[in-house]
Amino acid sequence: MTGRKLGILPEILAYPNWRHRVHLGNGLYTMGYNTLENDWEFYGMPENIAGKTVLDLGANDGYYSFKAEEKGAAEVTAMDIYWGDGSTMVGGWPLQGITLLKTYLNSNVVIKPESVYDLHQSQRQWDVVFCNDLLSWLEDIPRAMDQISAVCKEKLVIHDTFSTRKNGLDIEIRQLGIAKLHRMRIDYLVQCLRKRGFKTVSIHKVYSFKHYAWQFENFAPTTAHNAIEIWDSPIEGKVIKTAVVQEVWVLQTFREFVYLREIGWAKKSDLRIANRYKYFWLRQLKKCIPDWLLNLWHGRIGLEKNIGEFVITAER
């Protein structure tokens, strides 16, 4: 690891709002849990983007932007409403995370703190447009689709969760906790894309249970029955609070510290860390169950019914 990277690493490890899990080298990652190192392949994103201009909408911490650059894109633009504090996905996302990564990775990704509704101001097009987990958070999806389509020159890739109902409302509003999500019918989305000039539209079903299973197997749960000290950083940090920890994911290990999801850094010696799957036979059994059956089971026990996760690729 170079001196420049070592210089910025303490800031990365101290930043508390990571959502994406981006590889930093030497077995280190940002402390996110919503993307895995192979998410690009898992979601069936296009492999051949060498020499293309790419727009990453809803870029967040920049996982897909930096992956696109790594895969040879000529120019990558990361766009999100980078003026929030990370408390809600609707209110915006902090600029600090993607900016730290751009410096650390010595990246040329262009960061634009703009809304998808402001795309018309760009007055340009990109060869490939990614729209990752964005549409569900928008209150005016048809308006957004008009603008997204207008700036897409060749290929649009949308990854999101959609309603699988065959009839009913084109867009349903569903309240999940504090989040208000907009679920388009998948067939209505296809109609929207064809109406906006995309000649071919392909739909790829994502069997997301395997994604969750990876998290369960690799993010070990940890427990502390007594209140323990929580630190703001594993490098020259300070204690910021105490907490009683029950079954909290470990997202990162650094020296004698571990990072606990949504809590902070704690000393390993203060915790009891367990394996996620205690029984070998259960892990082996899961390997024998087809993807579609695992996903069906997950859909039955989930908070939402008649929904599915898809990657839609539309081409001019």
C-alpha atoms as a PDB file:
ATOM      1  CA  MET A   1       0.000   0.000   0.000  1.00  0.00           C
ATOM      2  CA  THR A   2       1.492   3.352  -1.062  1.00  0.00           C
ATOM      3  CA  GLY A   3       2.082   6.285   1.235  1.00  0.00           C
ATOM      4  CA  ARG A   4      -0.765   8.233  -0.392  1.00  0.00           C
ATOM      5  CA  LYS A   5      -3.213   5.424   0.317  1.00  0.00           C
ATOM      6  CA  LEU A   6      -1.960   4.988   3.873  1.00  0.00           C
ATOM      7  CA  GLY A   7      -2.529   8.691   4.370  1.00  0.00           C
ATOM      8  CA  ILE A   8      -6.218   8.548   3.468  1.00  0.00           C
ATOM      9  CA  LEU A   9      -7.000   5.099   4.940  1.00  0.00           C
ATOM     10  CA  PRO A  10      -7.683   6.478   8.461  1.00  0.00           C
ATOM     11  CA  GLU A  11     -10.401   8.731   7.000  1.00  0.00           C
ATOM     12  CA  ILE A  12     -11.984   5.786   5.173  1.00  0.00           C
ATOM     13  CA  LEU A  13     -11.991   3.638   8.310  1.00  0.00           C
ATOM     14  CA  ALA A  14     -13.439   6.464  10.407  1.00  0.00           C
ATOM     15  CA  TYR A  15     -16.239   7.324   7.948  1.00  0.00           C
ATOM     16  CA  PRO A  16     -19.493   5.907   9.459  1.00  0.00           C
ATOM     17  CA  ASN A  17     -21.951   6.011   6.535  1.00  0.00           C
ATOM     18  CA  TRP A  18     -20.658   3.418   4.069  1.00  0.00           C
ATOM     19  CA  ARG A  19     -23.380   1.602   2.126  1.00  0.00           C
ATOM     20  CA  HIS A  20     -21.257   0.005  -0.614  1.00  0.00           C
ATOM     21  CA  ARG A  21     -18.559  -2.568   0.043  1.00  0.00           C
ATOM     22  CA  VAL A  22     -15.600  -1.570  -2.142  1.00  0.00           C
ATOM     23  CA  HIS A  23     -12.311  -3.457  -2.174  1.00  0.00           C
ATOM     24  CA  LEU A  24      -9.398  -1.354  -0.951  1.00  0.00           C
ATOM     25  CA  GLY A  25      -6.695  -3.994  -1.414  1.00  0.00           C
ATOM     26  CA  ASN A  26      -4.848  -6.211   1.068  1.00  0.00           C
ATOM     27  CA  GLY A  27      -8.112  -7.799   2.224  1.00  0.00           C
ATOM     28  CA  LEU A  28      -9.629  -4.475   3.319  1.00  0.00           C
ATOM     29  CA  TYR A  29     -13.043  -3.167   2.252  1.00  0.00           C
ATOM     30  CA  THR A  30     -15.185  -0.163   2.975  1.00  0.00           C
ATOM     31  CA  MET A  31     -17.565  -1.004   5.804  1.00  0.00           C
ATOM     32  CA  GLY A  32     -20.664  -1.390   3.659  1.00  0.00           C
ATOM     33  CA  TYR A  33     -22.888  -4.438   3.382  1.00  0.00           C
ATOM     34  CA  ASN A  34     -25.231  -3.620   0.505  1.00  0.00           C
ATOM     35  CA  THR A  35     -22.857  -4.612  -2.300  1.00  0.00           C
ATOM     36  CA  LEU A  36     -20.406  -7.481  -2.407  1.00  0.00           C
ATOM     37  CA  GLU A  37     -17.141  -7.623  -4.299  1.00  0.00           C
ATOM     38  CA  ASN A  38     -18.726  -9.568  -7.161  1.00  0.00           C
ATOM     39  CA  ASP A  39     -22.037  -7.690  -7.332  1.00  0.00           C
ATOM     40  CA  TRP A  40     -21.339  -6.615 -10.906  1.00  0.00           C
ATOM     41  CA  GLU A  41     -21.284 -10.249 -12.048  1.00  0.00           C
ATOM     42  CA  PHE A  42     -24.020 -11.351  -9.634  1.00  0.00           C
ATOM     43  CA  TYR A  43     -26.507  -8.892 -11.125  1.00  0.00           C
ATOM     44  CA  GLY A  44     -25.564  -9.724 -14.703  1.00  0.00           C
ATOM     45  CA  MET A  45     -24.184  -6.295 -15.538  1.00  0.00           C
ATOM     46  CA  PRO A  46     -22.635  -5.930 -19.025  1.00  0.00           C
ATOM     47  CA  GLU A  47     -19.076  -7.203 -19.264  1.00  0.00           C
ATOM     48  CA  ASN A  48     -17.990  -5.384 -22.415  1.00  0.00           C
ATOM     49  CA  ILE A  49     -17.995  -1.652 -21.741  1.00  0.00           C
ATOM     50  CA  ALA A  50     -14.398  -0.951 -22.800  1.00  0.00           C
ATOM     51  CA  GLY A  51     -14.121   2.447 -24.451  1.00  0.00           C
ATOM     52  CA  LYS A  52     -17.712   3.413 -23.585  1.00  0.00           C
ATOM     53  CA  THR A  53     -18.951   6.510 -21.786  1.00  0.00           C
ATOM     54  CA  VAL A  54     -20.928   5.467 -18.703  1.00  0.00           C
ATOM     55  CA  LEU A  55     -23.451   7.254 -16.485  1.00  0.00           C
ATOM     56  CA  ASP A  56     -24.100   5.690 -13.058  1.00  0.00           C
ATOM     57  CA  LEU A  57     -27.404   7.035 -11.704  1.00  0.00           C
ATOM     58  CA  GLY A  58     -27.971   6.756  -7.971  1.00  0.00           C
ATOM     59  CA  ALA A  59     -24.239   6.100  -7.633  1.00  0.00           C
ATOM     60  CA  ASN A  60     -24.165   6.364  -3.844  1.00  0.00           C
ATOM     61  CA  ASP A  61     -20.656   5.362  -2.647  1.00  0.00           C
ATOM     62  CA  GLY A  62     -19.625   4.609  -6.229  1.00  0.00           C
ATOM     63  CA  TYR A  63     -19.274   0.813  -6.364  1.00  0.00           C
ATOM     64  CA  TYR A  64     -20.621   0.522  -9.927  1.00  0.00           C
ATOM     65  CA  SER A  65     -18.827   3.676 -11.079  1.00  0.00           C
ATOM     66  CA  PHE A  66     -15.422   2.402  -9.993  1.00  0.00           C
ATOM     67  CA  LYS A  67     -16.182  -1.066 -11.376  1.00  0.00           C
ATOM     68  CA  ALA A  68     -17.064   0.447 -14.751  1.00  0.00           C
ATOM     69  CA  GLU A  69     -13.780   2.335 -14.761  1.00  0.00           C
ATOM     70  CA  GLU A  70     -11.914  -0.834 -13.778  1.00  0.00           C
ATOM     71  CA  LYS A  71     -13.546  -2.654 -16.707  1.00  0.00           C
ATOM     72  CA  GLY A  72     -12.193  -0.151 -19.223  1.00  0.00           C
ATOM     73  CA  ALA A  73     -14.882   2.516 -19.617  1.00  0.00           C
ATOM     74  CA  ALA A  74     -13.478   5.597 -21.338  1.00  0.00           C
ATOM     75  CA  GLU A  75     -15.364   8.014 -19.089  1.00  0.00           C
ATOM     76  CA  VAL A  76     -17.570   7.426 -16.037  1.00  0.00           C
ATOM     77  CA  THR A  77     -19.955   9.914 -14.460  1.00  0.00           C
ATOM     78  CA  ALA A  78     -21.371   9.172 -10.986  1.00  0.00           C
ATOM     79  CA  MET A  79     -24.592  11.061 -10.275  1.00  0.00           C
ATOM     80  CA  ASP A  80     -26.578  11.203  -7.039  1.00  0.00           C
ATOM     81  CA  ILE A  81     -28.190  13.812  -4.806  1.00  0.00           C
ATOM     82  CA  TYR A  82     -25.000  14.280  -2.835  1.00  0.00           C
ATOM     83  CA  TRP A  83     -26.270  16.818  -0.353  1.00  0.00           C
ATOM     84  CA  GLY A  84     -27.888  14.637   2.303  1.00  0.00           C
ATOM     85  CA  ASP A  85     -26.546  13.128   5.487  1.00  0.00           C
ATOM     86  CA  GLY A  86     -27.237   9.472   4.681  1.00  0.00           C
ATOM     87  CA  SER A  87     -30.177   9.192   7.083  1.00  0.00           C
ATOM     88  CA  THR A  88     -32.616   8.431   4.246  1.00  0.00           C
ATOM     89  CA  MET A  89     -32.206   7.341   0.642  1.00  0.00           C
ATOM     90  CA  VAL A  90     -34.711   9.976  -0.488  1.00  0.00           C
ATOM     91  CA  GLY A  91     -33.105  12.926   1.287  1.00  0.00           C
ATOM     92  CA  GLY A  92     -29.715  12.486  -0.332  1.00  0.00           C
ATOM     93  CA  TRP A  93     -26.396  10.816   0.294  1.00  0.00           C
ATOM     94  CA  PRO A  94     -23.122  12.168   1.707  1.00  0.00           C
ATOM     95  CA  LEU A  95     -20.479  13.175  -0.804  1.00  0.00           C
ATOM     96  CA  GLN A  96     -17.659  12.186   1.526  1.00  0.00           C
ATOM     97  CA  GLY A  97     -17.619   8.437   0.836  1.00  0.00           C
ATOM     98  CA  ILE A  98     -17.328   8.511  -2.954  1.00  0.00           C
ATOM     99  CA  THR A  99     -14.874  11.416  -2.735  1.00  0.00           C
ATOM    100  CA  LEU A 100     -12.614   9.477  -0.360  1.00  0.00           C
ATOM    101  CA  LEU A 101     -12.713   6.463  -2.689  1.00  0.00           C
ATOM    102  CA  LYS A 102     -11.976   8.550  -5.765  1.00  0.00           C
ATOM    103  CA  THR A 103      -8.809   9.847  -4.091  1.00  0.00           C
ATOM    104  CA  TYR A 104      -7.825   6.471  -2.653  1.00  0.00           C
ATOM    105  CA  LEU A 105      -8.309   4.629  -5.953  1.00  0.00           C
ATOM    106  CA  ASN A 106      -6.698   7.428  -7.985  1.00  0.00           C
ATOM    107  CA  SER A 107      -9.868   7.431 -10.073  1.00  0.00           C
ATOM    108  CA  ASN A 108     -10.999   9.712 -12.892  1.00  0.00           C
ATOM    109  CA  VAL A 109     -14.708   9.206 -12.173  1.00  0.00           C
ATOM    110  CA  VAL A 110     -16.604  12.489 -12.545  1.00  0.00           C
ATOM    111  CA  ILE A 111     -18.892  13.108  -9.556  1.00  0.00           C
ATOM    112  CA  LYS A 112     -22.084  15.100 -10.203  1.00  0.00           C
ATOM    113  CA  PRO A 113     -24.252  16.075  -7.207  1.00  0.00           C
ATOM    114  CA  GLU A 114     -27.475  16.303  -9.204  1.00  0.00           C
ATOM    115  CA  SER A 115     -30.955  14.813  -9.257  1.00  0.00           C
ATOM    116  CA  VAL A 116     -32.135  12.492 -12.006  1.00  0.00           C
ATOM    117  CA  TYR A 117     -34.782  15.124 -12.728  1.00  0.00           C
ATOM    118  CA  ASP A 118     -31.959  17.513 -13.727  1.00  0.00           C
ATOM    119  CA  LEU A 119     -30.544  15.271 -16.443  1.00  0.00           C
ATOM    120  CA  HIS A 120     -31.902  17.505 -19.208  1.00  0.00           C
ATOM    121  CA  GLN A 121     -29.410  20.157 -18.109  1.00  0.00           C
ATOM    122  CA  SER A 122     -26.501  17.901 -19.093  1.00  0.00           C
ATOM    123  CA  GLN A 123     -27.195  18.452 -22.804  1.00  0.00           C
ATOM    124  CA  ARG A 124     -25.278  15.316 -23.704  1.00  0.00           C
ATOM    125  CA  GLN A 125     -25.615  11.518 -23.961  1.00  0.00           C
ATOM    126  CA  TRP A 126     -23.736   8.555 -22.538  1.00  0.00           C
ATOM    127  CA  ASP A 127     -23.226   5.231 -24.342  1.00  0.00           C
ATOM    128  CA  VAL A 128     -24.261   3.147 -21.325  1.00  0.00           C
ATOM    129  CA  VAL A 129     -26.510   4.256 -18.456  1.00  0.00           C
ATOM    130  CA  PHE A 130     -26.780   2.301 -15.183  1.00  0.00           C
ATOM    131  CA  CYS A 131     -29.801   2.875 -12.962  1.00  0.00           C
ATOM    132  CA  ASN A 132     -29.182   0.890  -9.790  1.00  0.00           C
ATOM    133  CA  ASP A 133     -31.847   0.676  -7.073  1.00  0.00           C
ATOM    134  CA  LEU A 134     -33.144   4.137  -7.949  1.00  0.00           C
ATOM    135  CA  LEU A 135     -36.600   3.989  -9.556  1.00  0.00           C
ATOM    136  CA  SER A 136     -38.290   2.629  -6.424  1.00  0.00           C
ATOM    137  CA  TRP A 137     -37.317   5.773  -4.519  1.00  0.00           C
ATOM    138  CA  LEU A 138     -38.661   8.255  -7.081  1.00  0.00           C
ATOM    139  CA  GLU A 139     -42.061   9.919  -6.780  1.00  0.00           C
ATOM    140  CA  ASP A 140     -42.351  10.764 -10.493  1.00  0.00           C
ATOM    141  CA  ILE A 141     -41.020   7.724 -12.328  1.00  0.00           C
ATOM    142  CA  PRO A 142     -42.450   8.565 -15.811  1.00  0.00           C
ATOM    143  CA  ARG A 143     -40.736  11.963 -15.718  1.00  0.00           C
ATOM    144  CA  ALA A 144     -37.478  10.317 -14.642  1.00  0.00           C
ATOM    145  CA  MET A 145     -37.796   7.708 -17.410  1.00  0.00           C
ATOM    146  CA  ASP A 146     -38.176  10.478 -19.999  1.00  0.00           C
ATOM    147  CA  GLN A 147     -34.933  12.094 -18.894  1.00  0.00           C
ATOM    148  CA  ILE A 148     -32.986   8.848 -18.432  1.00  0.00           C
ATOM    149  CA  SER A 149     -34.007   7.650 -21.889  1.00  0.00           C
ATOM    150  CA  ALA A 150     -33.055  10.967 -23.483  1.00  0.00           C
ATOM    151  CA  VAL A 151     -29.428  10.787 -22.255  1.00  0.00           C
ATOM    152  CA  CYS A 152     -28.936   7.092 -23.128  1.00  0.00           C
ATOM    153  CA  LYS A 153     -27.265   6.620 -26.492  1.00  0.00           C
ATOM    154  CA  GLU A 154     -26.941   2.827 -26.722  1.00  0.00           C
ATOM    155  CA  LYS A 155     -27.756   0.726 -23.647  1.00  0.00           C
ATOM    156  CA  LEU A 156     -29.747   1.254 -20.437  1.00  0.00           C
ATOM    157  CA  VAL A 157     -29.330  -1.190 -17.540  1.00  0.00           C
ATOM    158  CA  ILE A 158     -31.879  -0.989 -14.714  1.00  0.00           C
ATOM    159  CA  HIS A 159     -31.534  -2.992 -11.506  1.00  0.00           C
ATOM    160  CA  ASP A 160     -34.451  -2.690  -9.082  1.00  0.00           C
ATOM    161  CA  THR A 161     -37.394  -4.412  -7.444  1.00  0.00           C
ATOM    162  CA  PHE A 162     -40.656  -4.533  -9.396  1.00  0.00           C
ATOM    163  CA  SER A 163     -44.199  -5.757  -8.992  1.00  0.00           C
ATOM    164  CA  THR A 164     -44.864  -9.078 -10.705  1.00  0.00           C
ATOM    165  CA  ARG A 165     -48.635  -8.595 -10.802  1.00  0.00           C
ATOM    166  CA  LYS A 166     -50.202  -9.058 -14.242  1.00  0.00           C
ATOM    167  CA  ASN A 167     -52.761  -6.302 -13.727  1.00  0.00           C
ATOM    168  CA  GLY A 168     -53.666  -3.515 -11.359  1.00  0.00           C
ATOM    169  CA  LEU A 169     -51.851  -0.269 -10.770  1.00  0.00           C
ATOM    170  CA  ASP A 170     -48.928   0.569 -13.045  1.00  0.00           C
ATOM    171  CA  ILE A 171     -47.049   1.896 -10.008  1.00  0.00           C
ATOM    172  CA  GLU A 172     -47.887   0.870  -6.444  1.00  0.00           C
ATOM    173  CA  ILE A 173     -46.803   2.807  -3.363  1.00  0.00           C
ATOM    174  CA  ARG A 174     -45.708   0.589  -0.522  1.00  0.00           C
ATOM    175  CA  GLN A 175     -44.756   1.700   2.973  1.00  0.00           C
ATOM    176  CA  LEU A 176     -41.950  -0.369   4.493  1.00  0.00           C
ATOM    177  CA  GLY A 177     -41.104   1.014   7.896  1.00  0.00           C
ATOM    178  CA  ILE A 178     -40.122   4.645   7.388  1.00  0.00           C
ATOM    179  CA  ALA A 179     -39.497   4.110   3.666  1.00  0.00           C
ATOM    180  CA  LYS A 180     -42.111   4.819   0.984  1.00  0.00           C
ATOM    181  CA  LEU A 181     -41.269   2.771  -2.103  1.00  0.00           C
ATOM    182  CA  HIS A 182     -42.746   2.903  -5.609  1.00  0.00           C
ATOM    183  CA  ARG A 183     -43.056  -0.514  -7.259  1.00  0.00           C
ATOM    184  CA  MET A 184     -43.642  -0.509 -11.036  1.00  0.00           C
ATOM    185  CA  ARG A 185     -45.197  -3.515 -12.723  1.00  0.00           C
ATOM    186  CA  ILE A 186     -42.444  -5.179 -14.727  1.00  0.00           C
ATOM    187  CA  ASP A 187     -44.584  -5.351 -17.878  1.00  0.00           C
ATOM    188  CA  TYR A 188     -45.414  -1.638 -17.530  1.00  0.00           C
ATOM    189  CA  LEU A 189     -41.688  -0.834 -17.366  1.00  0.00           C
ATOM    190  CA  VAL A 190     -41.122  -2.766 -20.600  1.00  0.00           C
ATOM    191  CA  GLN A 191     -43.908  -0.754 -22.259  1.00  0.00           C
ATOM    192  CA  CYS A 192     -42.296   2.493 -21.037  1.00  0.00           C
ATOM    193  CA  LEU A 193     -38.934   1.524 -22.499  1.00  0.00           C
ATOM    194  CA  ARG A 194     -40.335   0.542 -25.888  1.00  0.00           C
ATOM    195  CA  LYS A 195     -42.363   3.750 -25.993  1.00  0.00           C
ATOM    196  CA  ARG A 196     -39.139   5.691 -25.457  1.00  0.00           C
ATOM    197  CA  GLY A 197     -37.363   4.163 -28.435  1.00  0.00           C
ATOM    198  CA  PHE A 198     -35.581   1.070 -27.093  1.00  0.00           C
ATOM    199  CA  LYS A 199     -35.873  -1.674 -29.697  1.00  0.00           C
ATOM    200  CA  THR A 200     -34.840  -4.678 -27.586  1.00  0.00           C
ATOM    201  CA  VAL A 201     -35.600  -5.208 -23.898  1.00  0.00           C
ATOM    202  CA  SER A 202     -34.330  -8.247 -21.979  1.00  0.00           C
ATOM    203  CA  ILE A 203     -35.331  -9.217 -18.440  1.00  0.00           C
ATOM    204  CA  HIS A 204     -32.977 -11.060 -16.103  1.00  0.00           C
ATOM    205  CA  LYS A 205     -34.471 -12.476 -12.887  1.00  0.00           C
ATOM    206  CA  VAL A 206     -32.196 -12.049  -9.871  1.00  0.00           C
ATOM    207  CA  TYR A 207     -32.297 -14.847  -7.324  1.00  0.00           C
ATOM    208  CA  SER A 208     -31.431 -12.546  -4.465  1.00  0.00           C
ATOM    209  CA  PHE A 209     -31.552 -15.218  -1.752  1.00  0.00           C
ATOM    210  CA  LYS A 210     -28.041 -16.287  -2.786  1.00  0.00           C
ATOM    211  CA  HIS A 211     -26.906 -12.707  -2.208  1.00  0.00           C
ATOM    212  CA  TYR A 212     -28.362 -12.686   1.301  1.00  0.00           C
ATOM    213  CA  ALA A 213     -26.938 -16.138   1.988  1.00  0.00           C
ATOM    214  CA  TRP A 214     -23.457 -14.829   1.122  1.00  0.00           C
ATOM    215  CA  GLN A 215     -23.933 -12.053   3.669  1.00  0.00           C
ATOM    216  CA  PHE A 216     -25.102 -14.481   6.335  1.00  0.00           C
ATOM    217  CA  GLU A 217     -22.145 -16.782   5.767  1.00  0.00           C
ATOM    218  CA  ASN A 218     -19.458 -14.102   5.581  1.00  0.00           C
ATOM    219  CA  PHE A 219     -20.579 -11.430   8.056  1.00  0.00           C
ATOM    220  CA  ALA A 220     -20.230 -13.232  11.350  1.00  0.00           C
ATOM    221  CA  PRO A 221     -22.560 -12.195  14.179  1.00  0.00           C
ATOM    222  CA  THR A 222     -21.048 -11.012  17.429  1.00  0.00           C
ATOM    223  CA  THR A 223     -22.413 -10.606  20.945  1.00  0.00           C
ATOM    224  CA  ALA A 224     -21.367  -8.803  24.115  1.00  0.00           C
ATOM    225  CA  HIS A 225     -23.521  -9.354  27.197  1.00  0.00           C
ATOM    226  CA  ASN A 226     -22.075  -6.358  28.996  1.00  0.00           C
ATOM    227  CA  ALA A 227     -21.740  -2.822  27.664  1.00  0.00           C
ATOM    228  CA  ILE A 228     -18.558  -2.430  25.625  1.00  0.00           C
ATOM    229  CA  GLU A 229     -16.620   0.561  24.372  1.00  0.00           C
ATOM    230  CA  ILE A 230     -17.332   1.718  20.811  1.00  0.00           C
ATOM    231  CA  TRP A 231     -14.570   3.606  19.014  1.00  0.00           C
ATOM    232  CA  ASP A 232     -14.781   6.064  16.122  1.00  0.00           C
ATOM    233  CA  SER A 233     -11.686   4.639  14.418  1.00  0.00           C
ATOM    234  CA  PRO A 234      -9.241   1.731  14.775  1.00  0.00           C
ATOM    235  CA  ILE A 235      -6.344   4.126  14.072  1.00  0.00           C
ATOM    236  CA  GLU A 236      -5.669   6.574  16.884  1.00  0.00           C
ATOM    237  CA  GLY A 237      -9.395   6.631  17.616  1.00  0.00           C
ATOM    238  CA  LYS A 238     -11.339   7.530  20.726  1.00  0.00           C
ATOM    239  CA  VAL A 239     -14.253   5.985  22.597  1.00  0.00           C
ATOM    240  CA  ILE A 240     -17.512   7.641  21.531  1.00  0.00           C
ATOM    241  CA  LYS A 241     -20.082   5.553  23.430  1.00  0.00           C
ATOM    242  CA  THR A 242     -20.819   2.213  25.053  1.00  0.00           C
ATOM    243  CA  ALA A 243     -23.246  -0.400  23.747  1.00  0.00           C
ATOM    244  CA  VAL A 244     -24.625  -3.843  24.496  1.00  0.00           C
ATOM    245  CA  VAL A 245     -24.217  -5.890  21.312  1.00  0.00           C
ATOM    246  CA  GLN A 246     -26.507  -8.769  20.328  1.00  0.00           C
ATOM    247  CA  GLU A 247     -26.095 -10.643  17.023  1.00  0.00           C
ATOM    248  CA  VAL A 248     -24.550  -7.699  15.149  1.00  0.00           C
ATOM    249  CA  TRP A 249     -22.690  -8.269  11.867  1.00  0.00           C
ATOM    250  CA  VAL A 250     -18.917  -7.861  11.715  1.00  0.00           C
ATOM    251  CA  LEU A 251     -18.217  -5.994   8.454  1.00  0.00           C
ATOM    252  CA  GLN A 252     -14.484  -5.398   8.791  1.00  0.00           C
ATOM    253  CA  THR A 253     -11.468  -6.520  10.787  1.00  0.00           C
ATOM    254  CA  PHE A 254      -8.500  -4.236  11.296  1.00  0.00           C
ATOM    255  CA  ARG A 255      -5.704  -5.128  13.700  1.00  0.00           C
ATOM    256  CA  GLU A 256      -7.309  -5.742  17.117  1.00  0.00           C
ATOM    257  CA  PHE A 257     -10.613  -4.087  16.116  1.00  0.00           C
ATOM    258  CA  VAL A 258     -13.781  -5.170  14.301  1.00  0.00           C
ATOM    259  CA  TYR A 259     -16.381  -2.915  12.717  1.00  0.00           C
ATOM    260  CA  LEU A 260     -19.946  -3.631  13.859  1.00  0.00           C
ATOM    261  CA  ARG A 261     -22.729  -2.798  11.435  1.00  0.00           C
ATOM    262  CA  GLU A 262     -24.404   0.549  12.234  1.00  0.00           C
ATOM    263  CA  ILE A 263     -22.576   0.733  15.579  1.00  0.00           C
ATOM    264  CA  GLY A 264     -18.858   1.359  15.086  1.00  0.00           C
ATOM    265  CA  TRP A 265     -15.476  -0.105  15.967  1.00  0.00           C
ATOM    266  CA  ALA A 266     -14.984  -2.402  18.953  1.00  0.00           C
ATOM    267  CA  LYS A 267     -12.086  -4.426  20.287  1.00  0.00           C
ATOM    268  CA  LYS A 268     -12.264  -8.113  19.386  1.00  0.00           C
ATOM    269  CA  SER A 269     -11.277  -9.022  22.925  1.00  0.00           C
ATOM    270  CA  ASP A 270     -14.555  -7.498  24.203  1.00  0.00           C
ATOM    271  CA  LEU A 271     -16.751  -9.668  21.964  1.00  0.00           C
ATOM    272  CA  ARG A 272     -17.842 -13.207  21.310  1.00  0.00           C
ATOM    273  CA  ILE A 273     -17.834 -13.828  17.553  1.00  0.00           C
ATOM    274  CA  ALA A 274     -19.761 -16.854  16.240  1.00  0.00           C
ATOM    275  CA  ASN A 275     -20.119 -18.605  12.883  1.00  0.00           C
ATOM    276  CA  ARG A 276     -23.278 -17.671  11.016  1.00  0.00           C
ATOM    277  CA  TYR A 277     -24.094 -21.277  10.127  1.00  0.00           C
ATOM    278  CA  LYS A 278     -23.360 -23.580  13.013  1.00  0.00           C
ATOM    279  CA  TYR A 279     -24.466 -26.776  11.333  1.00  0.00           C
ATOM    280  CA  PHE A 280     -22.550 -28.220   8.397  1.00  0.00           C
ATOM    281  CA  TRP A 281     -25.525 -30.264   7.200  1.00  0.00           C
ATOM    282  CA  LEU A 282     -27.660 -27.119   6.829  1.00  0.00           C
ATOM    283  CA  ARG A 283     -25.065 -25.435   4.636  1.00  0.00           C
ATOM    284  CA  GLN A 284     -24.783 -28.521   2.428  1.00  0.00           C
ATOM    285  CA  LEU A 285     -28.574 -28.829   2.150  1.00  0.00           C
ATOM    286  CA  LYS A 286     -28.873 -25.229   0.954  1.00  0.00           C
ATOM    287  CA  LYS A 287     -26.445 -25.980  -1.887  1.00  0.00           C
ATOM    288  CA  CYS A 288     -28.845 -28.618  -3.220  1.00  0.00           C
ATOM    289  CA  ILE A 289     -31.917 -26.379  -3.339  1.00  0.00           C
ATOM    290  CA  PRO A 290     -32.554 -24.666  -6.717  1.00  0.00           C
ATOM    291  CA  ASP A 291     -32.225 -20.900  -6.911  1.00  0.00           C
ATOM    292  CA  TRP A 292     -35.855 -20.361  -7.887  1.00  0.00           C
ATOM    293  CA  LEU A 293     -37.086 -22.347  -4.866  1.00  0.00           C
ATOM    294  CA  LEU A 294     -34.863 -20.421  -2.456  1.00  0.00           C
ATOM    295  CA  ASN A 295     -36.091 -17.158  -3.917  1.00  0.00           C
ATOM    296  CA  LEU A 296     -39.726 -18.294  -3.723  1.00  0.00           C
ATOM    297  CA  TRP A 297     -39.279 -19.157  -0.063  1.00  0.00           C
ATOM    298  CA  HIS A 298     -37.615 -15.818   0.625  1.00  0.00           C
ATOM    299  CA  GLY A 299     -40.490 -14.033  -1.142  1.00  0.00           C
ATOM    300  CA  ARG A 300     -43.035 -15.852   1.028  1.00  0.00           C
ATOM    301  CA  ILE A 301     -41.424 -14.787   4.302  1.00  0.00           C
ATOM    302  CA  GLY A 302     -40.461 -11.281   3.141  1.00  0.00           C
ATOM    303  CA  LEU A 303     -42.231  -8.034   3.914  1.00  0.00           C
ATOM    304  CA  GLU A 304     -43.505  -7.585   0.342  1.00  0.00           C
ATOM    305  CA  LYS A 305     -45.632  -9.934  -1.713  1.00  0.00           C
ATOM    306  CA  ASN A 306     -45.784 -10.221  -5.514  1.00  0.00           C
ATOM    307  CA  ILE A 307     -42.457  -8.489  -6.015  1.00  0.00           C
ATOM    308  CA  GLY A 308     -39.250  -9.594  -7.672  1.00  0.00           C
ATOM    309  CA  GLU A 309     -35.740  -8.326  -8.221  1.00  0.00           C
ATOM    310  CA  PHE A 310     -34.735  -7.891 -11.868  1.00  0.00           C
ATOM    311  CA  VAL A 311     -32.055  -6.531 -14.148  1.00  0.00           C
ATOM    312  CA  ILE A 312     -33.556  -5.048 -17.303  1.00  0.00           C
ATOM    313  CA  THR A 313     -31.295  -4.302 -20.270  1.00  0.00           C
ATOM    314  CA  ALA A 314     -32.727  -2.053 -22.981  1.00  0.00           C
ATOM    315  CA  GLU A 315     -30.884  -1.290 -26.225  1.00  0.00           C
ATOM    316  CA  ARG A 316     -31.485   1.186 -29.026  1.00  0.00           C
END
